[in-house]
């Protein structure tokens, strides 16, 4: 659900700090948001 919420916020134009404990997963979500034209960065 956190991933889905982050993606939706990115699609709606928000700058999203994706936070969690697993860097690789966060980097993947941030990259997906960025590829869709949004802005995001992972924070472990």
ModelCIF file with pLDDT and N, C-alpha, C, O atoms, coordinates in Angstrom:
data_MODEL
#
_entry.id   MODEL 
#
_entity.id                         1 
_entity.type                       polymer 
_entity.pdbx_number_of_molecules   1 
#
_entity_poly.entity_id                      1 
_entity_poly.type                           'polypeptide(L)' 
_entity_poly.nstd_linkage                   no 
_entity_poly.nstd_monomer                   no 
_entity_poly.pdbx_seq_one_letter_code       
;(UNK)(UNK)(UNK)(UNK)(UNK)(UNK)(UNK)(UNK)(UNK)(UNK)(UNK)(UNK)(UNK)(UNK)(UNK)(UNK)
(UNK)(UNK)(UNK)(UNK)(UNK)(UNK)(UNK)(UNK)(UNK)(UNK)(UNK)(UNK)(UNK)(UNK)(UNK)(UNK)
(UNK)(UNK)(UNK)(UNK)(UNK)(UNK)(UNK)(UNK)(UNK)(UNK)(UNK)(UNK)
;
_entity_poly.pdbx_seq_one_letter_code_can   XXXXXXXXXXXXXXXXXXXXXXXXXXXXXXXXXXXXXXXXXXXX 
_entity_poly.pdbx_strand_id                 A 
#
loop_
_entity_poly_seq.entity_id 
_entity_poly_seq.num 
_entity_poly_seq.mon_id 
_entity_poly_seq.hetero 
1 1  UNK n 
1 2  UNK n 
1 3  UNK n 
1 4  UNK n 
1 5  UNK n 
1 6  UNK n 
1 7  UNK n 
1 8  UNK n 
1 9  UNK n 
1 10 UNK n 
1 11 UNK n 
1 12 UNK n 
1 13 UNK n 
1 14 UNK n 
1 15 UNK n 
1 16 UNK n 
1 17 UNK n 
1 18 UNK n 
1 19 UNK n 
1 20 UNK n 
1 21 UNK n 
1 22 UNK n 
1 23 UNK n 
1 24 UNK n 
1 25 UNK n 
1 26 UNK n 
1 27 UNK n 
1 28 UNK n 
1 29 UNK n 
1 30 UNK n 
1 31 UNK n 
1 32 UNK n 
1 33 UNK n 
1 34 UNK n 
1 35 UNK n 
1 36 UNK n 
1 37 UNK n 
1 38 UNK n 
1 39 UNK n 
1 40 UNK n 
1 41 UNK n 
1 42 UNK n 
1 43 UNK n 
1 44 UNK n 
#
_struct_asym.id          A 
_struct_asym.entity_id   1 
#
loop_
_ma_qa_metric.id 
_ma_qa_metric.mode 
_ma_qa_metric.name 
_ma_qa_metric.software_group_id 
_ma_qa_metric.type 
1 global pLDDT . pLDDT 
2 local  pLDDT . pLDDT 
#
_ma_qa_metric_global.metric_id      1 
_ma_qa_metric_global.metric_value   96.41 
_ma_qa_metric_global.model_id       1 
_ma_qa_metric_global.ordinal_id     1 
#
loop_
_ma_qa_metric_local.label_asym_id 
_ma_qa_metric_local.label_comp_id 
_ma_qa_metric_local.label_seq_id 
_ma_qa_metric_local.metric_id 
_ma_qa_metric_local.metric_value 
_ma_qa_metric_local.model_id 
_ma_qa_metric_local.ordinal_id 
A UNK 1  2 97.00 1 1  
A UNK 2  2 97.00 1 2  
A UNK 3  2 97.00 1 3  
A UNK 4  2 98.00 1 4  
A UNK 5  2 98.00 1 5  
A UNK 6  2 98.00 1 6  
A UNK 7  2 97.00 1 7  
A UNK 8  2 97.00 1 8  
A UNK 9  2 97.00 1 9  
A UNK 10 2 97.00 1 10 
A UNK 11 2 95.00 1 11 
A UNK 12 2 95.00 1 12 
A UNK 13 2 96.00 1 13 
A UNK 14 2 97.00 1 14 
A UNK 15 2 98.00 1 15 
A UNK 16 2 98.00 1 16 
A UNK 17 2 98.00 1 17 
A UNK 18 2 98.00 1 18 
A UNK 19 2 98.00 1 19 
A UNK 20 2 96.00 1 20 
A UNK 21 2 93.00 1 21 
A UNK 22 2 94.00 1 22 
A UNK 23 2 95.00 1 23 
A UNK 24 2 96.00 1 24 
A UNK 25 2 97.00 1 25 
A UNK 26 2 97.00 1 26 
A UNK 27 2 97.00 1 27 
A UNK 28 2 97.00 1 28 
A UNK 29 2 98.00 1 29 
A UNK 30 2 98.00 1 30 
A UNK 31 2 97.00 1 31 
A UNK 32 2 97.00 1 32 
A UNK 33 2 97.00 1 33 
A UNK 34 2 96.00 1 34 
A UNK 35 2 95.00 1 35 
A UNK 36 2 92.00 1 36 
A UNK 37 2 93.00 1 37 
A UNK 38 2 94.00 1 38 
A UNK 39 2 96.00 1 39 
A UNK 40 2 97.00 1 40 
A UNK 41 2 94.00 1 41 
A UNK 42 2 97.00 1 42 
A UNK 43 2 97.00 1 43 
A UNK 44 2 96.00 1 44 
#
loop_
_atom_site.group_PDB 
_atom_site.id 
_atom_site.type_symbol 
_atom_site.label_atom_id 
_atom_site.label_alt_id 
_atom_site.label_comp_id 
_atom_site.label_asym_id 
_atom_site.label_entity_id 
_atom_site.label_seq_id 
_atom_site.pdbx_PDB_ins_code 
_atom_site.Cartn_x 
_atom_site.Cartn_y 
_atom_site.Cartn_z 
_atom_site.occupancy 
_atom_site.B_iso_or_equiv 
_atom_site.pdbx_formal_charge 
_atom_site.auth_seq_id 
_atom_site.auth_comp_id 
_atom_site.auth_asym_id 
_atom_site.auth_atom_id 
_atom_site.pdbx_PDB_model_num 
ATOM 1   N N  . UNK A 1 1  ? 0.813  -1.208 0.000   1.00 97.00 ? 1  UNK A N  1 
ATOM 2   C CA . UNK A 1 1  ? 0.000  0.000  0.000   1.00 97.00 ? 1  UNK A CA 1 
ATOM 3   C C  . UNK A 1 1  ? 0.852  1.266  0.000   1.00 97.00 ? 1  UNK A C  1 
ATOM 4   O O  . UNK A 1 1  ? 0.508  2.236  -0.677  1.00 97.00 ? 1  UNK A O  1 
ATOM 5   N N  . UNK A 1 2  ? 1.954  1.276  0.744   1.00 97.00 ? 2  UNK A N  1 
ATOM 6   C CA . UNK A 1 2  ? 2.833  2.446  0.764   1.00 97.00 ? 2  UNK A CA 1 
ATOM 7   C C  . UNK A 1 2  ? 3.392  2.762  -0.607  1.00 97.00 ? 2  UNK A C  1 
ATOM 8   O O  . UNK A 1 2  ? 3.467  3.926  -1.001  1.00 97.00 ? 2  UNK A O  1 
ATOM 9   N N  . UNK A 1 3  ? 3.778  1.744  -1.324  1.00 97.00 ? 3  UNK A N  1 
ATOM 10  C CA . UNK A 1 3  ? 4.280  1.910  -2.694  1.00 97.00 ? 3  UNK A CA 1 
ATOM 11  C C  . UNK A 1 3  ? 3.194  2.498  -3.581  1.00 97.00 ? 3  UNK A C  1 
ATOM 12  O O  . UNK A 1 3  ? 3.442  3.441  -4.332  1.00 97.00 ? 3  UNK A O  1 
ATOM 13  N N  . UNK A 1 4  ? 1.993  1.942  -3.494  1.00 98.00 ? 4  UNK A N  1 
ATOM 14  C CA . UNK A 1 4  ? 0.877  2.424  -4.310  1.00 98.00 ? 4  UNK A CA 1 
ATOM 15  C C  . UNK A 1 4  ? 0.544  3.879  -3.990  1.00 98.00 ? 4  UNK A C  1 
ATOM 16  O O  . UNK A 1 4  ? 0.263  4.664  -4.896  1.00 98.00 ? 4  UNK A O  1 
ATOM 17  N N  . UNK A 1 5  ? 0.573  4.236  -2.727  1.00 98.00 ? 5  UNK A N  1 
ATOM 18  C CA . UNK A 1 5  ? 0.294  5.622  -2.324  1.00 98.00 ? 5  UNK A CA 1 
ATOM 19  C C  . UNK A 1 5  ? 1.377  6.547  -2.855  1.00 98.00 ? 5  UNK A C  1 
ATOM 20  O O  . UNK A 1 5  ? 1.072  7.617  -3.382  1.00 98.00 ? 5  UNK A O  1 
ATOM 21  N N  . UNK A 1 6  ? 2.638  6.147  -2.724  1.00 98.00 ? 6  UNK A N  1 
ATOM 22  C CA . UNK A 1 6  ? 3.749  6.971  -3.224  1.00 98.00 ? 6  UNK A CA 1 
ATOM 23  C C  . UNK A 1 6  ? 3.626  7.183  -4.733  1.00 98.00 ? 6  UNK A C  1 
ATOM 24  O O  . UNK A 1 6  ? 3.814  8.299  -5.218  1.00 98.00 ? 6  UNK A O  1 
ATOM 25  N N  . UNK A 1 7  ? 3.315  6.131  -5.466  1.00 97.00 ? 7  UNK A N  1 
ATOM 26  C CA . UNK A 1 7  ? 3.149  6.243  -6.922  1.00 97.00 ? 7  UNK A CA 1 
ATOM 27  C C  . UNK A 1 7  ? 2.001  7.179  -7.272  1.00 97.00 ? 7  UNK A C  1 
ATOM 28  O O  . UNK A 1 7  ? 2.133  8.004  -8.177  1.00 97.00 ? 7  UNK A O  1 
ATOM 29  N N  . UNK A 1 8  ? 0.874  7.066  -6.569  1.00 97.00 ? 8  UNK A N  1 
ATOM 30  C CA . UNK A 1 8  ? -0.277 7.925  -6.823  1.00 97.00 ? 8  UNK A CA 1 
ATOM 31  C C  . UNK A 1 8  ? 0.058  9.384  -6.531  1.00 97.00 ? 8  UNK A C  1 
ATOM 32  O O  . UNK A 1 8  ? -0.298 10.269 -7.309  1.00 97.00 ? 8  UNK A O  1 
ATOM 33  N N  . UNK A 1 9  ? 0.737  9.642  -5.421  1.00 97.00 ? 9  UNK A N  1 
ATOM 34  C CA . UNK A 1 9  ? 1.117  11.021 -5.093  1.00 97.00 ? 9  UNK A CA 1 
ATOM 35  C C  . UNK A 1 9  ? 2.043  11.596 -6.160  1.00 97.00 ? 9  UNK A C  1 
ATOM 36  O O  . UNK A 1 9  ? 1.908  12.754 -6.554  1.00 97.00 ? 9  UNK A O  1 
ATOM 37  N N  . UNK A 1 10 ? 2.982  10.778 -6.622  1.00 97.00 ? 10 UNK A N  1 
ATOM 38  C CA . UNK A 1 10 ? 3.875  11.217 -7.693  1.00 97.00 ? 10 UNK A CA 1 
ATOM 39  C C  . UNK A 1 10 ? 3.124  11.524 -8.973  1.00 97.00 ? 10 UNK A C  1 
ATOM 40  O O  . UNK A 1 10 ? 3.415  12.513 -9.647  1.00 97.00 ? 10 UNK A O  1 
ATOM 41  N N  . UNK A 1 11 ? 2.154  10.677 -9.315  1.00 95.00 ? 11 UNK A N  1 
ATOM 42  C CA . UNK A 1 11 ? 1.333  10.899 -10.519 1.00 95.00 ? 11 UNK A CA 1 
ATOM 43  C C  . UNK A 1 11 ? 0.527  12.188 -10.415 1.00 95.00 ? 11 UNK A C  1 
ATOM 44  O O  . UNK A 1 11 ? 0.253  12.840 -11.423 1.00 95.00 ? 11 UNK A O  1 
ATOM 45  N N  . UNK A 1 12 ? 0.151  12.550 -9.194  1.00 95.00 ? 12 UNK A N  1 
ATOM 46  C CA . UNK A 1 12 ? -0.650 13.756 -8.981  1.00 95.00 ? 12 UNK A CA 1 
ATOM 47  C C  . UNK A 1 12 ? 0.214  15.013 -8.852  1.00 95.00 ? 12 UNK A C  1 
ATOM 48  O O  . UNK A 1 12 ? -0.304 16.102 -8.606  1.00 95.00 ? 12 UNK A O  1 
ATOM 49  N N  . UNK A 1 13 ? 1.541  14.862 -9.019  1.00 96.00 ? 13 UNK A N  1 
ATOM 50  C CA . UNK A 1 13 ? 2.421  16.024 -9.045  1.00 96.00 ? 13 UNK A CA 1 
ATOM 51  C C  . UNK A 1 13 ? 3.193  16.309 -7.779  1.00 96.00 ? 13 UNK A C  1 
ATOM 52  O O  . UNK A 1 13 ? 3.995  17.242 -7.748  1.00 96.00 ? 13 UNK A O  1 
ATOM 53  N N  . UNK A 1 14 ? 2.974  15.531 -6.729  1.00 97.00 ? 14 UNK A N  1 
ATOM 54  C CA . UNK A 1 14 ? 3.710  15.760 -5.485  1.00 97.00 ? 14 UNK A CA 1 
ATOM 55  C C  . UNK A 1 14 ? 5.170  15.334 -5.640  1.00 97.00 ? 14 UNK A C  1 
ATOM 56  O O  . UNK A 1 14 ? 5.493  14.446 -6.429  1.00 97.00 ? 14 UNK A O  1 
ATOM 57  N N  . UNK A 1 15 ? 6.030  15.976 -4.880  1.00 98.00 ? 15 UNK A N  1 
ATOM 58  C CA . UNK A 1 15 ? 7.414  15.545 -4.730  1.00 98.00 ? 15 UNK A CA 1 
ATOM 59  C C  . UNK A 1 15 ? 7.383  14.560 -3.559  1.00 98.00 ? 15 UNK A C  1 
ATOM 60  O O  . UNK A 1 15 ? 6.958  14.918 -2.461  1.00 98.00 ? 15 UNK A O  1 
ATOM 61  N N  . UNK A 1 16 ? 7.828  13.331 -3.787  1.00 98.00 ? 16 UNK A N  1 
ATOM 62  C CA . UNK A 1 16 ? 7.616  12.269 -2.804  1.00 98.00 ? 16 UNK A CA 1 
ATOM 63  C C  . UNK A 1 16 ? 8.934  11.767 -2.215  1.00 98.00 ? 16 UNK A C  1 
ATOM 64  O O  . UNK A 1 16 ? 9.828  11.324 -2.937  1.00 98.00 ? 16 UNK A O  1 
ATOM 65  N N  . UNK A 1 17 ? 9.031  11.846 -0.892  1.00 98.00 ? 17 UNK A N  1 
ATOM 66  C CA . UNK A 1 17 ? 10.109 11.181 -0.176  1.00 98.00 ? 17 UNK A CA 1 
ATOM 67  C C  . UNK A 1 17 ? 9.595  9.793  0.170   1.00 98.00 ? 17 UNK A C  1 
ATOM 68  O O  . UNK A 1 17 ? 8.687  9.643  0.988   1.00 98.00 ? 17 UNK A O  1 
ATOM 69  N N  . UNK A 1 18 ? 10.189 8.769  -0.464  1.00 98.00 ? 18 UNK A N  1 
ATOM 70  C CA . UNK A 1 18 ? 9.782  7.391  -0.209  1.00 98.00 ? 18 UNK A CA 1 
ATOM 71  C C  . UNK A 1 18 ? 10.693 6.852  0.890   1.00 98.00 ? 18 UNK A C  1 
ATOM 72  O O  . UNK A 1 18 ? 11.908 6.753  0.718   1.00 98.00 ? 18 UNK A O  1 
ATOM 73  N N  . UNK A 1 19 ? 10.083 6.507  2.017   1.00 98.00 ? 19 UNK A N  1 
ATOM 74  C CA . UNK A 1 19 ? 10.829 6.155  3.227   1.00 98.00 ? 19 UNK A CA 1 
ATOM 75  C C  . UNK A 1 19 ? 10.597 4.700  3.594   1.00 98.00 ? 19 UNK A C  1 
ATOM 76  O O  . UNK A 1 19 ? 9.477  4.196  3.511   1.00 98.00 ? 19 UNK A O  1 
ATOM 77  N N  . UNK A 1 20 ? 11.658 4.038  3.998   1.00 96.00 ? 20 UNK A N  1 
ATOM 78  C CA . UNK A 1 20 ? 11.570 2.659  4.459   1.00 96.00 ? 20 UNK A CA 1 
ATOM 79  C C  . UNK A 1 20 ? 12.936 2.174  4.890   1.00 96.00 ? 20 UNK A C  1 
ATOM 80  O O  . UNK A 1 20 ? 13.873 2.961  5.029   1.00 96.00 ? 20 UNK A O  1 
ATOM 81  N N  . UNK A 1 21 ? 13.044 0.876  5.100   1.00 93.00 ? 21 UNK A N  1 
ATOM 82  C CA . UNK A 1 21 ? 14.305 0.304  5.582   1.00 93.00 ? 21 UNK A CA 1 
ATOM 83  C C  . UNK A 1 21 ? 15.110 -0.394 4.505   1.00 93.00 ? 21 UNK A C  1 
ATOM 84  O O  . UNK A 1 21 ? 16.291 -0.675 4.704   1.00 93.00 ? 21 UNK A O  1 
ATOM 85  N N  . UNK A 1 22 ? 14.486 -0.683 3.350   1.00 94.00 ? 22 UNK A N  1 
ATOM 86  C CA . UNK A 1 22 ? 15.176 -1.441 2.309   1.00 94.00 ? 22 UNK A CA 1 
ATOM 87  C C  . UNK A 1 22 ? 15.511 -0.519 1.142   1.00 94.00 ? 22 UNK A C  1 
ATOM 88  O O  . UNK A 1 22 ? 14.639 -0.175 0.345   1.00 94.00 ? 22 UNK A O  1 
ATOM 89  N N  . UNK A 1 23 ? 16.763 -0.126 1.047   1.00 95.00 ? 23 UNK A N  1 
ATOM 90  C CA . UNK A 1 23 ? 17.203 0.855  0.056   1.00 95.00 ? 23 UNK A CA 1 
ATOM 91  C C  . UNK A 1 23 ? 16.844 0.454  -1.368  1.00 95.00 ? 23 UNK A C  1 
ATOM 92  O O  . UNK A 1 23 ? 16.354 1.284  -2.134  1.00 95.00 ? 23 UNK A O  1 
ATOM 93  N N  . UNK A 1 24 ? 17.076 -0.791 -1.731  1.00 96.00 ? 24 UNK A N  1 
ATOM 94  C CA . UNK A 1 24 ? 16.825 -1.210 -3.115  1.00 96.00 ? 24 UNK A CA 1 
ATOM 95  C C  . UNK A 1 24 ? 15.348 -1.063 -3.494  1.00 96.00 ? 24 UNK A C  1 
ATOM 96  O O  . UNK A 1 24 ? 15.041 -0.651 -4.613  1.00 96.00 ? 24 UNK A O  1 
ATOM 97  N N  . UNK A 1 25 ? 14.440 -1.392 -2.588  1.00 97.00 ? 25 UNK A N  1 
ATOM 98  C CA . UNK A 1 25 ? 13.008 -1.243 -2.864  1.00 97.00 ? 25 UNK A CA 1 
ATOM 99  C C  . UNK A 1 25 ? 12.642 0.237  -3.017  1.00 97.00 ? 25 UNK A C  1 
ATOM 100 O O  . UNK A 1 25 ? 11.875 0.605  -3.907  1.00 97.00 ? 25 UNK A O  1 
ATOM 101 N N  . UNK A 1 26 ? 13.193 1.071  -2.152  1.00 97.00 ? 26 UNK A N  1 
ATOM 102 C CA . UNK A 1 26 ? 12.898 2.504  -2.201  1.00 97.00 ? 26 UNK A CA 1 
ATOM 103 C C  . UNK A 1 26 ? 13.424 3.126  -3.485  1.00 97.00 ? 26 UNK A C  1 
ATOM 104 O O  . UNK A 1 26 ? 12.755 3.953  -4.104  1.00 97.00 ? 26 UNK A O  1 
ATOM 105 N N  . UNK A 1 27 ? 14.631 2.722  -3.881  1.00 97.00 ? 27 UNK A N  1 
ATOM 106 C CA . UNK A 1 27 ? 15.209 3.226  -5.131  1.00 97.00 ? 27 UNK A CA 1 
ATOM 107 C C  . UNK A 1 27 ? 14.343 2.828  -6.322  1.00 97.00 ? 27 UNK A C  1 
ATOM 108 O O  . UNK A 1 27 ? 14.179 3.608  -7.259  1.00 97.00 ? 27 UNK A O  1 
ATOM 109 N N  . UNK A 1 28 ? 13.792 1.629  -6.290  1.00 97.00 ? 28 UNK A N  1 
ATOM 110 C CA . UNK A 1 28 ? 12.925 1.154  -7.367  1.00 97.00 ? 28 UNK A CA 1 
ATOM 111 C C  . UNK A 1 28 ? 11.655 1.993  -7.448  1.00 97.00 ? 28 UNK A C  1 
ATOM 112 O O  . UNK A 1 28 ? 11.242 2.379  -8.542  1.00 97.00 ? 28 UNK A O  1 
ATOM 113 N N  . UNK A 1 29 ? 11.031 2.281  -6.308  1.00 98.00 ? 29 UNK A N  1 
ATOM 114 C CA . UNK A 1 29 ? 9.807  3.086  -6.292  1.00 98.00 ? 29 UNK A CA 1 
ATOM 115 C C  . UNK A 1 29 ? 10.117 4.505  -6.767  1.00 98.00 ? 29 UNK A C  1 
ATOM 116 O O  . UNK A 1 29 ? 9.378  5.068  -7.574  1.00 98.00 ? 29 UNK A O  1 
ATOM 117 N N  . UNK A 1 30 ? 11.210 5.079  -6.265  1.00 98.00 ? 30 UNK A N  1 
ATOM 118 C CA . UNK A 1 30 ? 11.587 6.441  -6.679  1.00 98.00 ? 30 UNK A CA 1 
ATOM 119 C C  . UNK A 1 30 ? 11.853 6.489  -8.181  1.00 98.00 ? 30 UNK A C  1 
ATOM 120 O O  . UNK A 1 30 ? 11.455 7.442  -8.851  1.00 98.00 ? 30 UNK A O  1 
ATOM 121 N N  . UNK A 1 31 ? 12.517 5.477  -8.706  1.00 97.00 ? 31 UNK A N  1 
ATOM 122 C CA . UNK A 1 31 ? 12.795 5.430  -10.146 1.00 97.00 ? 31 UNK A CA 1 
ATOM 123 C C  . UNK A 1 31 ? 11.498 5.322  -10.944 1.00 97.00 ? 31 UNK A C  1 
ATOM 124 O O  . UNK A 1 31 ? 11.364 5.944  -11.997 1.00 97.00 ? 31 UNK A O  1 
ATOM 125 N N  . UNK A 1 32 ? 10.560 4.549  -10.455 1.00 97.00 ? 32 UNK A N  1 
ATOM 126 C CA . UNK A 1 32 ? 9.271  4.396  -11.145 1.00 97.00 ? 32 UNK A CA 1 
ATOM 127 C C  . UNK A 1 32 ? 8.519  5.729  -11.182 1.00 97.00 ? 32 UNK A C  1 
ATOM 128 O O  . UNK A 1 32 ? 7.921  6.082  -12.199 1.00 97.00 ? 32 UNK A O  1 
ATOM 129 N N  . UNK A 1 33 ? 8.553  6.457  -10.081 1.00 97.00 ? 33 UNK A N  1 
ATOM 130 C CA . UNK A 1 33 ? 7.898  7.771  -10.036 1.00 97.00 ? 33 UNK A CA 1 
ATOM 131 C C  . UNK A 1 33 ? 8.588  8.719  -11.001 1.00 97.00 ? 33 UNK A C  1 
ATOM 132 O O  . UNK A 1 33 ? 7.924  9.448  -11.738 1.00 97.00 ? 33 UNK A O  1 
ATOM 133 N N  . UNK A 1 34 ? 9.902  8.716  -11.002 1.00 96.00 ? 34 UNK A N  1 
ATOM 134 C CA . UNK A 1 34 ? 10.681 9.597  -11.877 1.00 96.00 ? 34 UNK A CA 1 
ATOM 135 C C  . UNK A 1 34 ? 10.441 9.264  -13.345 1.00 96.00 ? 34 UNK A C  1 
ATOM 136 O O  . UNK A 1 34 ? 10.279 10.166 -14.167 1.00 96.00 ? 34 UNK A O  1 
ATOM 137 N N  . UNK A 1 35 ? 10.420 7.983  -13.677 1.00 95.00 ? 35 UNK A N  1 
ATOM 138 C CA . UNK A 1 35 ? 10.177 7.561  -15.059 1.00 95.00 ? 35 UNK A CA 1 
ATOM 139 C C  . UNK A 1 35 ? 8.801  7.993  -15.555 1.00 95.00 ? 35 UNK A C  1 
ATOM 140 O O  . UNK A 1 35 ? 8.601  8.207  -16.751 1.00 95.00 ? 35 UNK A O  1 
ATOM 141 N N  . UNK A 1 36 ? 7.857  8.118  -14.626 1.00 92.00 ? 36 UNK A N  1 
ATOM 142 C CA . UNK A 1 36 ? 6.504  8.545  -14.985 1.00 92.00 ? 36 UNK A CA 1 
ATOM 143 C C  . UNK A 1 36 ? 6.397  10.072 -15.045 1.00 92.00 ? 36 UNK A C  1 
ATOM 144 O O  . UNK A 1 36 ? 5.313  10.615 -15.260 1.00 92.00 ? 36 UNK A O  1 
ATOM 145 N N  . UNK A 1 37 ? 7.530  10.762 -14.853 1.00 93.00 ? 37 UNK A N  1 
ATOM 146 C CA . UNK A 1 37 ? 7.532  12.221 -14.938 1.00 93.00 ? 37 UNK A CA 1 
ATOM 147 C C  . UNK A 1 37 ? 7.419  12.918 -13.598 1.00 93.00 ? 37 UNK A C  1 
ATOM 148 O O  . UNK A 1 37 ? 7.364  14.147 -13.547 1.00 93.00 ? 37 UNK A O  1 
ATOM 149 N N  . UNK A 1 38 ? 7.384  12.167 -12.519 1.00 94.00 ? 38 UNK A N  1 
ATOM 150 C CA . UNK A 1 38 ? 7.288  12.757 -11.184 1.00 94.00 ? 38 UNK A CA 1 
ATOM 151 C C  . UNK A 1 38 ? 8.658  12.988 -10.573 1.00 94.00 ? 38 UNK A C  1 
ATOM 152 O O  . UNK A 1 38 ? 9.690  12.777 -11.211 1.00 94.00 ? 38 UNK A O  1 
ATOM 153 N N  . UNK A 1 39 ? 8.643  13.425 -9.323  1.00 96.00 ? 39 UNK A N  1 
ATOM 154 C CA . UNK A 1 39 ? 9.884  13.656 -8.588  1.00 96.00 ? 39 UNK A CA 1 
ATOM 155 C C  . UNK A 1 39 ? 9.818  12.910 -7.265  1.00 96.00 ? 39 UNK A C  1 
ATOM 156 O O  . UNK A 1 39 ? 8.849  13.020 -6.513  1.00 96.00 ? 39 UNK A O  1 
ATOM 157 N N  . UNK A 1 40 ? 10.871 12.149 -7.000  1.00 97.00 ? 40 UNK A N  1 
ATOM 158 C CA . UNK A 1 40 ? 10.921 11.358 -5.775  1.00 97.00 ? 40 UNK A CA 1 
ATOM 159 C C  . UNK A 1 40 ? 12.361 11.070 -5.417  1.00 97.00 ? 40 UNK A C  1 
ATOM 160 O O  . UNK A 1 40 ? 13.251 11.109 -6.267  1.00 97.00 ? 40 UNK A O  1 
ATOM 161 N N  . UNK A 1 41 ? 12.575 10.784 -4.158  1.00 94.00 ? 41 UNK A N  1 
ATOM 162 C CA . UNK A 1 41 ? 13.884 10.314 -3.754  1.00 94.00 ? 41 UNK A CA 1 
ATOM 163 C C  . UNK A 1 41 ? 13.727 9.381  -2.564  1.00 94.00 ? 41 UNK A C  1 
ATOM 164 O O  . UNK A 1 41 ? 12.859 9.576  -1.713  1.00 94.00 ? 41 UNK A O  1 
ATOM 165 N N  . UNK A 1 42 ? 14.586 8.357  -2.518  1.00 97.00 ? 42 UNK A N  1 
ATOM 166 C CA . UNK A 1 42 ? 14.497 7.379  -1.430  1.00 97.00 ? 42 UNK A CA 1 
ATOM 167 C C  . UNK A 1 42 ? 15.238 7.863  -0.193  1.00 97.00 ? 42 UNK A C  1 
ATOM 168 O O  . UNK A 1 42 ? 16.310 8.460  -0.292  1.00 97.00 ? 42 UNK A O  1 
ATOM 169 N N  . UNK A 1 43 ? 14.664 7.605  0.957   1.00 97.00 ? 43 UNK A N  1 
ATOM 170 C CA . UNK A 1 43 ? 15.320 7.887  2.230   1.00 97.00 ? 43 UNK A CA 1 
ATOM 171 C C  . UNK A 1 43 ? 15.206 6.642  3.091   1.00 97.00 ? 43 UNK A C  1 
ATOM 172 O O  . UNK A 1 43 ? 14.107 6.217  3.447   1.00 97.00 ? 43 UNK A O  1 
ATOM 173 N N  . UNK A 1 44 ? 16.334 6.069  3.417   1.00 96.00 ? 44 UNK A N  1 
ATOM 174 C CA . UNK A 1 44 ? 16.347 4.883  4.271   1.00 96.00 ? 44 UNK A CA 1 
ATOM 175 C C  . UNK A 1 44 ? 16.346 5.328  5.728   1.00 96.00 ? 44 UNK A C  1 
ATOM 176 O O  . UNK A 1 44 ? 16.356 4.489  6.630   1.00 96.00 ? 44 UNK A O  1 
#
